Amino acid sequence: MNRQTKRMMQRQRQAERAPRPTPERRRRVGPRQFLREVRQELKKVDWPSRRELLAYTIVVLATVVVLTSYVFGLDTLIGKGVLQVFGSQTG
């Protein structure tokens, strides 16, 4: 092992032992400053037009109705199938 390698290894060991600087804690801002920043960020948002909003709403409602009907149908069929297999025995 040559001198350069030894020196490099010593530097690495010293660097590992050296205390790491603690990350700087971010200062909390007050409620007024927070709301001001929120308002600034909301101004940057590209909001949908009324027409787009109506279209998205209709798509969501139609999807909910279709999926709810599908799950209801499966539940009904499975329930009737279980009753057929095990029968509704009373008493």
Protein backbone atom coordinates (compact mmCIF):
# COMPACT_ATOMS: atom_id res chain seq x y z
CA MET A 1 0.00 0.00 0.00
CA ASN A 2 1.51 3.32 -0.96
CA ARG A 3 1.49 6.66 0.87
CA GLN A 4 -1.33 8.15 -1.18
CA THR A 5 -3.65 5.24 -0.49
CA LYS A 6 -2.90 5.41 3.26
CA ARG A 7 -3.59 9.15 3.35
CA MET A 8 -6.83 8.70 1.41
CA MET A 9 -7.98 5.99 3.83
CA GLN A 10 -7.12 8.18 6.83
CA ARG A 11 -9.14 11.07 5.36
CA GLN A 12 -12.08 8.77 4.79
CA ARG A 13 -11.96 7.53 8.40
CA GLN A 14 -11.75 11.10 9.70
CA ALA A 15 -14.67 12.13 7.50
CA GLU A 16 -16.73 9.23 8.88
CA ARG A 17 -15.97 10.22 12.47
CA ALA A 18 -16.64 13.92 11.94
CA PRO A 19 -20.06 14.96 13.23
CA ARG A 20 -22.49 15.59 10.43
CA PRO A 21 -24.08 19.01 10.35
CA THR A 22 -27.65 18.89 11.54
CA PRO A 23 -30.19 19.87 8.89
CA GLU A 24 -31.51 23.37 9.35
CA ARG A 25 -35.02 23.37 10.77
CA ARG A 26 -37.52 25.33 8.74
CA ARG A 27 -39.14 28.14 10.61
CA ARG A 28 -42.90 27.91 10.90
CA VAL A 29 -44.87 30.76 9.43
CA GLY A 30 -47.92 32.34 11.01
CA PRO A 31 -51.49 31.68 9.89
CA ARG A 32 -51.71 34.96 7.98
CA GLN A 33 -48.56 34.21 5.96
CA PHE A 34 -49.75 30.64 5.36
CA LEU A 35 -53.10 31.80 3.97
CA ARG A 36 -51.35 34.37 1.79
CA GLU A 37 -49.14 31.66 0.29
CA VAL A 38 -52.12 29.35 -0.22
CA ARG A 39 -53.94 32.10 -2.09
CA GLN A 40 -50.89 32.70 -4.29
CA GLU A 41 -50.65 29.00 -5.15
CA LEU A 42 -54.36 28.76 -5.93
CA LYS A 43 -54.01 31.63 -8.41
CA LYS A 44 -51.56 29.44 -10.37
CA VAL A 45 -54.10 26.60 -10.74
CA ASP A 46 -55.66 26.12 -14.17
CA TRP A 47 -59.30 25.73 -13.16
CA PRO A 48 -61.75 23.95 -15.52
CA SER A 49 -64.43 25.95 -17.32
CA ARG A 50 -68.10 25.49 -16.47
CA ARG A 51 -68.59 23.35 -19.56
CA GLU A 52 -65.66 21.07 -18.64
CA LEU A 53 -66.86 20.85 -15.05
CA LEU A 54 -70.34 19.83 -16.19
CA ALA A 55 -68.89 17.19 -18.53
CA TYR A 56 -66.65 15.75 -15.79
CA THR A 57 -69.54 15.69 -13.33
CA ILE A 58 -71.76 13.79 -15.77
CA VAL A 59 -68.99 11.26 -16.47
CA VAL A 60 -68.43 10.68 -12.75
CA LEU A 61 -72.13 10.29 -11.97
CA ALA A 62 -72.67 7.91 -14.92
CA THR A 63 -69.67 5.82 -13.84
CA VAL A 64 -70.95 5.64 -10.26
CA VAL A 65 -74.41 4.54 -11.43
CA VAL A 66 -73.00 1.86 -13.76
CA LEU A 67 -70.59 0.43 -11.20
CA THR A 68 -73.19 0.52 -8.42
CA SER A 69 -75.66 -1.34 -10.64
CA TYR A 70 -72.98 -3.90 -11.52
CA VAL A 71 -72.10 -4.57 -7.89
CA PHE A 72 -75.81 -4.73 -6.95
CA GLY A 73 -76.44 -7.26 -9.74
CA LEU A 74 -73.50 -9.43 -8.68
CA ASP A 75 -74.58 -9.30 -5.06
CA THR A 76 -78.12 -10.33 -5.97
CA LEU A 77 -76.94 -13.22 -8.19
CA ILE A 78 -74.44 -14.51 -5.65
CA GLY A 79 -77.03 -14.24 -2.87
CA LYS A 80 -79.57 -16.22 -4.88
CA GLY A 81 -76.89 -18.78 -5.79
CA VAL A 82 -75.94 -19.28 -2.15
CA LEU A 83 -79.59 -19.72 -1.21
CA GLN A 84 -80.00 -22.30 -4.01
CA VAL A 85 -76.97 -24.28 -2.87
CA PHE A 86 -77.62 -24.21 0.85
CA GLY A 87 -81.38 -23.71 0.72
CA SER A 88 -83.30 -21.57 3.09
CA GLN A 89 -83.93 -24.02 5.86
CA THR A 90 -86.13 -22.69 8.63
CA GLY A 91 -86.65 -24.47 11.88
